[in-house]
Amino acid sequence: MLRIFWVEPESLFRSLLVSALEHDGECLLVGKEPTLTDSAMGHIQIVKPDVLVVGIPRLDFASATALEALRNEIPSLAIVVLLAVADPVDRACLAHLRAGDSPGYAIIAEYGIARVDDLMQTIRTVVEGRIIMDTKLLPNHLPEPTPDELADLSQRESQVLSLMAAGLTNGGIGERLFITTKTVERHTQNIYTKIGSPPPAIQPRAYAVAKFQASAHDPYADLLKISA
């Protein structure tokens, strides 16, 4: 069972999701705080949750360093950051979250979580050590994709990248395409090599997805459709 700590000012959004989490068989809510104060951080360090969900207006330097400090105290802590304001995140703030061999994290706009199922999928993904980054929140001035970069991808690599952009983990991509997770990992490494190195503080997966979504051509969009 996943032990979750929730930090966010009281709101209808928080109340509904917390209530749903409390009734979810996979989760145990071990603490709630309205803001990430020193007192809240002490509370988190005592209960040592598996996942910290934090709702804040923006990911600024103070909140990023606070989250880094918590990870130093609880190395296994996975973090989900829900931002009320969908402004690009500063690269220096991203560097604090990805320092060392940290577990997974997600930085997403709060409006992107419409259902508790969306939040649970995000939580499961970061617990697996994956990174989720809302491309609207990526730092400005990422290089635009060139036609050659995406045209260089094989058909299978393009399929994998489409599913990465849909938010699937490597395991989920393998299930969708009927291939092993190890094969998916080999394809993702090929994608990263062909697309090129990301700017500092940007994860290769987030960079590849951003380039894909910035491309006008998506020949595998049908793969993203969810069956009813």
C-alpha atoms as a PDB file:
ATOM      1  CA  MET A   1       0.000   0.000   0.000  1.00  0.00           C
ATOM      2  CA  LEU A   2       1.315   3.441  -0.958  1.00  0.00           C
ATOM      3  CA  ARG A   3       1.677   5.885   1.930  1.00  0.00           C
ATOM      4  CA  ILE A   4       0.849   9.394   0.728  1.00  0.00           C
ATOM      5  CA  PHE A   5       1.359  12.780   2.359  1.00  0.00           C
ATOM      6  CA  TRP A   6      -0.630  15.703   0.944  1.00  0.00           C
ATOM      7  CA  VAL A   7       0.401  19.385   1.142  1.00  0.00           C
ATOM      8  CA  GLU A   8      -1.963  21.992  -0.275  1.00  0.00           C
ATOM      9  CA  PRO A   9      -4.148  24.833   1.030  1.00  0.00           C
ATOM     10  CA  GLU A  10      -7.745  23.832   1.691  1.00  0.00           C
ATOM     11  CA  SER A  11      -9.790  23.867  -1.502  1.00  0.00           C
ATOM     12  CA  LEU A  12     -12.659  21.987  -3.081  1.00  0.00           C
ATOM     13  CA  PHE A  13     -10.122  20.372  -5.411  1.00  0.00           C
ATOM     14  CA  ARG A  14      -8.030  19.115  -2.501  1.00  0.00           C
ATOM     15  CA  SER A  15     -11.027  17.968  -0.496  1.00  0.00           C
ATOM     16  CA  LEU A  16     -12.428  15.887  -3.355  1.00  0.00           C
ATOM     17  CA  LEU A  17      -9.137  14.231  -4.247  1.00  0.00           C
ATOM     18  CA  VAL A  18      -8.115  13.585  -0.641  1.00  0.00           C
ATOM     19  CA  SER A  19     -11.516  12.034   0.027  1.00  0.00           C
ATOM     20  CA  ALA A  20     -11.112   9.785  -3.019  1.00  0.00           C
ATOM     21  CA  LEU A  21      -7.583   8.782  -1.991  1.00  0.00           C
ATOM     22  CA  GLU A  22      -8.769   7.885   1.485  1.00  0.00           C
ATOM     23  CA  HIS A  23     -11.231   5.424  -0.064  1.00  0.00           C
ATOM     24  CA  ASP A  24      -8.738   3.979  -2.552  1.00  0.00           C
ATOM     25  CA  GLY A  25      -7.583   0.486  -1.676  1.00  0.00           C
ATOM     26  CA  GLU A  26      -4.047   1.145  -2.950  1.00  0.00           C
ATOM     27  CA  CYS A  27      -3.336   4.214  -0.826  1.00  0.00           C
ATOM     28  CA  LEU A  28      -3.055   5.266   2.778  1.00  0.00           C
ATOM     29  CA  LEU A  29      -3.129   8.990   3.533  1.00  0.00           C
ATOM     30  CA  VAL A  30      -0.575   9.417   6.346  1.00  0.00           C
ATOM     31  CA  GLY A  31      -0.696  13.195   6.722  1.00  0.00           C
ATOM     32  CA  LYS A  32      -2.038  16.520   5.474  1.00  0.00           C
ATOM     33  CA  GLU A  33      -0.663  20.051   5.778  1.00  0.00           C
ATOM     34  CA  PRO A  34      -1.873  23.293   4.165  1.00  0.00           C
ATOM     35  CA  THR A  35       1.604  24.614   3.236  1.00  0.00           C
ATOM     36  CA  LEU A  36       5.209  23.422   3.085  1.00  0.00           C
ATOM     37  CA  THR A  37       6.368  25.133   6.281  1.00  0.00           C
ATOM     38  CA  ASP A  38       9.206  23.994   8.571  1.00  0.00           C
ATOM     39  CA  SER A  39       6.568  22.370  10.765  1.00  0.00           C
ATOM     40  CA  ALA A  40       5.087  20.508   7.788  1.00  0.00           C
ATOM     41  CA  MET A  41       8.546  19.338   6.718  1.00  0.00           C
ATOM     42  CA  GLY A  42       9.160  18.012  10.213  1.00  0.00           C
ATOM     43  CA  HIS A  43       5.843  16.153  10.071  1.00  0.00           C
ATOM     44  CA  ILE A  44       6.792  14.627   6.699  1.00  0.00           C
ATOM     45  CA  GLN A  45      10.195  13.505   7.996  1.00  0.00           C
ATOM     46  CA  ILE A  46       8.536  11.771  10.955  1.00  0.00           C
ATOM     47  CA  VAL A  47       5.964   9.772   8.954  1.00  0.00           C
ATOM     48  CA  LYS A  48       8.302   9.099   5.962  1.00  0.00           C
ATOM     49  CA  PRO A  49       5.692   8.688   3.201  1.00  0.00           C
ATOM     50  CA  ASP A  50       6.305   6.901  -0.088  1.00  0.00           C
ATOM     51  CA  VAL A  51       4.834   9.804  -2.067  1.00  0.00           C
ATOM     52  CA  LEU A  52       4.549  13.512  -1.353  1.00  0.00           C
ATOM     53  CA  VAL A  53       1.839  15.399  -3.260  1.00  0.00           C
ATOM     54  CA  VAL A  54       2.400  19.164  -3.110  1.00  0.00           C
ATOM     55  CA  GLY A  55       0.030  21.810  -4.436  1.00  0.00           C
ATOM     56  CA  ILE A  56       1.710  25.208  -4.825  1.00  0.00           C
ATOM     57  CA  PRO A  57       1.187  28.282  -7.042  1.00  0.00           C
ATOM     58  CA  ARG A  58       4.626  28.032  -8.710  1.00  0.00           C
ATOM     59  CA  LEU A  59       7.782  25.963  -8.308  1.00  0.00           C
ATOM     60  CA  ASP A  60      10.122  28.679  -7.065  1.00  0.00           C
ATOM     61  CA  PHE A  61      13.596  28.439  -5.552  1.00  0.00           C
ATOM     62  CA  ALA A  62      12.320  28.208  -1.964  1.00  0.00           C
ATOM     63  CA  SER A  63       9.911  25.339  -2.663  1.00  0.00           C
ATOM     64  CA  ALA A  64      12.448  23.514  -4.875  1.00  0.00           C
ATOM     65  CA  THR A  65      15.148  23.629  -2.199  1.00  0.00           C
ATOM     66  CA  ALA A  66      12.619  22.515   0.443  1.00  0.00           C
ATOM     67  CA  LEU A  67      11.721  19.486  -1.674  1.00  0.00           C
ATOM     68  CA  GLU A  68      15.405  18.741  -2.220  1.00  0.00           C
ATOM     69  CA  ALA A  69      15.969  18.881   1.555  1.00  0.00           C
ATOM     70  CA  LEU A  70      13.138  16.392   2.086  1.00  0.00           C
ATOM     71  CA  ARG A  71      14.684  14.048  -0.470  1.00  0.00           C
ATOM     72  CA  ASN A  72      17.999  14.264   1.329  1.00  0.00           C
ATOM     73  CA  GLU A  73      16.210  13.117   4.499  1.00  0.00           C
ATOM     74  CA  ILE A  74      13.990  10.536   2.733  1.00  0.00           C
ATOM     75  CA  PRO A  75      15.937   9.292  -0.324  1.00  0.00           C
ATOM     76  CA  SER A  76      13.092   7.028  -1.489  1.00  0.00           C
ATOM     77  CA  LEU A  77      10.531   9.863  -1.542  1.00  0.00           C
ATOM     78  CA  ALA A  78       8.636  10.218  -4.842  1.00  0.00           C
ATOM     79  CA  ILE A  79       7.171  13.693  -5.417  1.00  0.00           C
ATOM     80  CA  VAL A  80       4.149  14.982  -7.331  1.00  0.00           C
ATOM     81  CA  VAL A  81       4.039  18.770  -7.717  1.00  0.00           C
ATOM     82  CA  LEU A  82       0.695  20.278  -8.763  1.00  0.00           C
ATOM     83  CA  LEU A  83       1.123  23.863  -9.971  1.00  0.00           C
ATOM     84  CA  ALA A  84      -1.787  26.304  -9.902  1.00  0.00           C
ATOM     85  CA  VAL A  85      -0.063  28.637 -12.394  1.00  0.00           C
ATOM     86  CA  ALA A  86       1.072  27.070 -15.681  1.00  0.00           C
ATOM     87  CA  ASP A  87       4.230  29.156 -16.125  1.00  0.00           C
ATOM     88  CA  PRO A  88       7.496  27.594 -17.354  1.00  0.00           C
ATOM     89  CA  VAL A  89       9.630  26.229 -14.523  1.00  0.00           C
ATOM     90  CA  ASP A  90      13.093  27.684 -13.997  1.00  0.00           C
ATOM     91  CA  ARG A  91      15.887  25.271 -14.949  1.00  0.00           C
ATOM     92  CA  ALA A  92      17.682  25.837 -11.633  1.00  0.00           C
ATOM     93  CA  CYS A  93      14.555  24.672  -9.783  1.00  0.00           C
ATOM     94  CA  LEU A  94      14.394  21.528 -11.925  1.00  0.00           C
ATOM     95  CA  ALA A  95      18.017  20.783 -11.063  1.00  0.00           C
ATOM     96  CA  HIS A  96      17.105  20.574  -7.364  1.00  0.00           C
ATOM     97  CA  LEU A  97      14.483  17.911  -8.046  1.00  0.00           C
ATOM     98  CA  ARG A  98      16.669  15.729 -10.246  1.00  0.00           C
ATOM     99  CA  ALA A  99      19.836  15.915  -8.144  1.00  0.00           C
ATOM    100  CA  GLY A 100      21.577  12.592  -7.476  1.00  0.00           C
ATOM    101  CA  ASP A 101      19.870   9.239  -7.919  1.00  0.00           C
ATOM    102  CA  SER A 102      16.481  10.551  -6.883  1.00  0.00           C
ATOM    103  CA  PRO A 103      13.297   8.525  -7.413  1.00  0.00           C
ATOM    104  CA  GLY A 104      10.562   9.694  -9.737  1.00  0.00           C
ATOM    105  CA  TYR A 105       8.806  13.020  -9.727  1.00  0.00           C
ATOM    106  CA  ALA A 106       6.037  14.783 -11.606  1.00  0.00           C
ATOM    107  CA  ILE A 107       5.543  18.485 -12.272  1.00  0.00           C
ATOM    108  CA  ILE A 108       2.134  19.109 -13.774  1.00  0.00           C
ATOM    109  CA  ALA A 109      -0.459  21.856 -13.983  1.00  0.00           C
ATOM    110  CA  GLU A 110      -3.199  21.303 -11.425  1.00  0.00           C
ATOM    111  CA  TYR A 111      -5.892  21.706 -14.068  1.00  0.00           C
ATOM    112  CA  GLY A 112      -4.483  18.622 -15.787  1.00  0.00           C
ATOM    113  CA  ILE A 113      -5.793  16.426 -12.960  1.00  0.00           C
ATOM    114  CA  ALA A 114      -9.498  16.156 -13.704  1.00  0.00           C
ATOM    115  CA  ARG A 115     -10.168  12.820 -11.992  1.00  0.00           C
ATOM    116  CA  VAL A 116      -8.683  10.881  -9.110  1.00  0.00           C
ATOM    117  CA  ASP A 117      -7.721   8.197 -11.670  1.00  0.00           C
ATOM    118  CA  ASP A 118      -5.442  10.773 -13.339  1.00  0.00           C
ATOM    119  CA  LEU A 119      -3.731  11.447 -10.026  1.00  0.00           C
ATOM    120  CA  MET A 120      -3.395   7.735  -9.209  1.00  0.00           C
ATOM    121  CA  GLN A 121      -1.781   7.052 -12.592  1.00  0.00           C
ATOM    122  CA  THR A 122       0.668   9.896 -11.955  1.00  0.00           C
ATOM    123  CA  ILE A 123       1.470   8.559  -8.476  1.00  0.00           C
ATOM    124  CA  ARG A 124       2.060   5.035  -9.767  1.00  0.00           C
ATOM    125  CA  THR A 125       4.373   6.372 -12.472  1.00  0.00           C
ATOM    126  CA  VAL A 126       6.596   8.383 -10.115  1.00  0.00           C
ATOM    127  CA  VAL A 127       6.765   5.487  -7.646  1.00  0.00           C
ATOM    128  CA  GLU A 128       8.247   3.436 -10.507  1.00  0.00           C
ATOM    129  CA  GLY A 129      11.010   6.045 -10.693  1.00  0.00           C
ATOM    130  CA  ARG A 130       9.677   7.748 -13.813  1.00  0.00           C
ATOM    131  CA  ILE A 131       9.561  11.446 -14.648  1.00  0.00           C
ATOM    132  CA  ILE A 132       6.402  13.277 -15.724  1.00  0.00           C
ATOM    133  CA  MET A 133       6.792  16.853 -16.909  1.00  0.00           C
ATOM    134  CA  ASP A 134       3.918  18.858 -18.348  1.00  0.00           C
ATOM    135  CA  THR A 135       5.450  20.228 -21.551  1.00  0.00           C
ATOM    136  CA  LYS A 136       3.721  23.588 -20.980  1.00  0.00           C
ATOM    137  CA  LEU A 137       5.909  23.939 -17.875  1.00  0.00           C
ATOM    138  CA  LEU A 138       9.232  23.217 -19.560  1.00  0.00           C
ATOM    139  CA  PRO A 139      11.710  26.104 -19.521  1.00  0.00           C
ATOM    140  CA  ASN A 140      11.402  28.519 -22.426  1.00  0.00           C
ATOM    141  CA  HIS A 141      13.711  28.500 -25.425  1.00  0.00           C
ATOM    142  CA  LEU A 142      13.956  24.752 -25.988  1.00  0.00           C
ATOM    143  CA  PRO A 143      15.280  24.132 -29.500  1.00  0.00           C
ATOM    144  CA  GLU A 144      12.580  23.505 -32.091  1.00  0.00           C
ATOM    145  CA  PRO A 145      12.620  20.029 -33.648  1.00  0.00           C
ATOM    146  CA  THR A 146      14.094  19.766 -37.099  1.00  0.00           C
ATOM    147  CA  PRO A 147      12.413  17.501 -39.672  1.00  0.00           C
ATOM    148  CA  ASP A 148      15.535  15.320 -39.872  1.00  0.00           C
ATOM    149  CA  GLU A 149      15.481  14.549 -36.135  1.00  0.00           C
ATOM    150  CA  LEU A 150      12.036  12.986 -36.149  1.00  0.00           C
ATOM    151  CA  ALA A 151      12.299  11.561 -39.682  1.00  0.00           C
ATOM    152  CA  ASP A 152      15.358   9.657 -38.483  1.00  0.00           C
ATOM    153  CA  LEU A 153      13.240   7.583 -36.115  1.00  0.00           C
ATOM    154  CA  SER A 154      12.192   4.112 -37.175  1.00  0.00           C
ATOM    155  CA  GLN A 155       8.492   3.243 -37.286  1.00  0.00           C
ATOM    156  CA  ARG A 156       8.758   1.399 -33.955  1.00  0.00           C
ATOM    157  CA  GLU A 157      10.686   4.274 -32.347  1.00  0.00           C
ATOM    158  CA  SER A 158       7.991   6.698 -33.505  1.00  0.00           C
ATOM    159  CA  GLN A 159       5.343   4.456 -31.972  1.00  0.00           C
ATOM    160  CA  VAL A 160       7.253   4.336 -28.690  1.00  0.00           C
ATOM    161  CA  LEU A 161       7.681   8.128 -28.681  1.00  0.00           C
ATOM    162  CA  SER A 162       3.946   8.606 -29.333  1.00  0.00           C
ATOM    163  CA  LEU A 163       3.125   6.493 -26.303  1.00  0.00           C
ATOM    164  CA  MET A 164       5.754   8.263 -24.191  1.00  0.00           C
ATOM    165  CA  ALA A 165       3.984  11.527 -25.072  1.00  0.00           C
ATOM    166  CA  ALA A 166       0.704   9.952 -23.936  1.00  0.00           C
ATOM    167  CA  GLY A 167       2.242   9.496 -20.479  1.00  0.00           C
ATOM    168  CA  LEU A 168       2.710   5.715 -20.553  1.00  0.00           C
ATOM    169  CA  THR A 169       5.566   4.139 -18.621  1.00  0.00           C
ATOM    170  CA  ASN A 170       7.988   1.787 -20.363  1.00  0.00           C
ATOM    171  CA  GLY A 171       6.008  -1.134 -18.961  1.00  0.00           C
ATOM    172  CA  GLY A 172       2.769   0.332 -20.289  1.00  0.00           C
ATOM    173  CA  ILE A 173       4.309   0.920 -23.707  1.00  0.00           C
ATOM    174  CA  GLY A 174       5.493  -2.678 -23.785  1.00  0.00           C
ATOM    175  CA  GLU A 175       1.998  -3.938 -23.008  1.00  0.00           C
ATOM    176  CA  ARG A 176       0.446  -1.719 -25.707  1.00  0.00           C
ATOM    177  CA  LEU A 177       2.961  -2.791 -28.372  1.00  0.00           C
ATOM    178  CA  PHE A 178       3.345  -6.423 -27.189  1.00  0.00           C
ATOM    179  CA  ILE A 179       7.086  -6.100 -26.612  1.00  0.00           C
ATOM    180  CA  THR A 180       9.243  -6.473 -23.497  1.00  0.00           C
ATOM    181  CA  THR A 181      10.154  -3.575 -21.215  1.00  0.00           C
ATOM    182  CA  LYS A 182      13.822  -4.163 -22.057  1.00  0.00           C
ATOM    183  CA  THR A 183      13.019  -3.731 -25.752  1.00  0.00           C
ATOM    184  CA  VAL A 184      11.170  -0.493 -24.978  1.00  0.00           C
ATOM    185  CA  GLU A 185      14.213   0.755 -23.057  1.00  0.00           C
ATOM    186  CA  ARG A 186      16.422   0.001 -26.070  1.00  0.00           C
ATOM    187  CA  HIS A 187      14.074   1.984 -28.320  1.00  0.00           C
ATOM    188  CA  THR A 188      14.009   4.939 -25.901  1.00  0.00           C
ATOM    189  CA  GLN A 189      17.807   5.044 -25.825  1.00  0.00           C
ATOM    190  CA  ASN A 190      17.851   5.077 -29.629  1.00  0.00           C
ATOM    191  CA  ILE A 191      15.319   7.942 -29.602  1.00  0.00           C
ATOM    192  CA  TYR A 192      17.461   9.972 -27.177  1.00  0.00           C
ATOM    193  CA  THR A 193      20.560   9.409 -29.328  1.00  0.00           C
ATOM    194  CA  LYS A 194      18.822  10.527 -32.527  1.00  0.00           C
ATOM    195  CA  ILE A 195      17.092  13.571 -30.996  1.00  0.00           C
ATOM    196  CA  GLY A 196      20.207  14.777 -29.214  1.00  0.00           C
ATOM    197  CA  SER A 197      21.164  15.874 -25.728  1.00  0.00           C
ATOM    198  CA  PRO A 198      18.703  18.037 -23.752  1.00  0.00           C
ATOM    199  CA  PRO A 199      19.619  21.376 -22.207  1.00  0.00           C
ATOM    200  CA  PRO A 200      20.902  21.295 -18.598  1.00  0.00           C
ATOM    201  CA  ALA A 201      18.342  20.210 -15.952  1.00  0.00           C
ATOM    202  CA  ILE A 202      15.945  18.731 -18.540  1.00  0.00           C
ATOM    203  CA  GLN A 203      15.360  14.978 -18.418  1.00  0.00           C
ATOM    204  CA  PRO A 204      15.910  13.219 -21.794  1.00  0.00           C
ATOM    205  CA  ARG A 205      12.384  11.754 -21.678  1.00  0.00           C
ATOM    206  CA  ALA A 206      10.739  15.151 -21.131  1.00  0.00           C
ATOM    207  CA  TYR A 207      12.930  16.649 -23.861  1.00  0.00           C
ATOM    208  CA  ALA A 208      12.006  13.941 -26.372  1.00  0.00           C
ATOM    209  CA  VAL A 209       8.286  14.319 -25.603  1.00  0.00           C
ATOM    210  CA  ALA A 210       8.502  18.114 -25.924  1.00  0.00           C
ATOM    211  CA  LYS A 211      10.136  17.801 -29.331  1.00  0.00           C
ATOM    212  CA  PHE A 212       7.519  15.293 -30.445  1.00  0.00           C
ATOM    213  CA  GLN A 213       4.628  17.488 -29.299  1.00  0.00           C
ATOM    214  CA  ALA A 214       6.168  20.542 -30.980  1.00  0.00           C
ATOM    215  CA  SER A 215       6.245  18.664 -34.284  1.00  0.00           C
ATOM    216  CA  ALA A 216       3.330  19.299 -36.617  1.00  0.00           C
ATOM    217  CA  HIS A 217       3.407  15.729 -37.925  1.00  0.00           C
ATOM    218  CA  ASP A 218       2.066  12.909 -35.748  1.00  0.00           C
ATOM    219  CA  PRO A 219       1.615   9.819 -37.939  1.00  0.00           C
ATOM    220  CA  TYR A 220       0.854   7.578 -34.942  1.00  0.00           C
ATOM    221  CA  ALA A 221      -1.855   9.592 -33.221  1.00  0.00           C
ATOM    222  CA  ASP A 222      -4.234   6.648 -33.452  1.00  0.00           C
ATOM    223  CA  LEU A 223      -2.064   4.814 -30.919  1.00  0.00           C
ATOM    224  CA  LEU A 224      -2.981   7.381 -28.268  1.00  0.00           C
ATOM    225  CA  LYS A 225      -6.704   6.630 -28.387  1.00  0.00           C
ATOM    226  CA  ILE A 226      -8.049   4.858 -25.329  1.00  0.00           C
ATOM    227  CA  SER A 227     -10.537   2.076 -25.964  1.00  0.00           C
ATOM    228  CA  ALA A 228     -13.934   2.600 -24.355  1.00  0.00           C
END
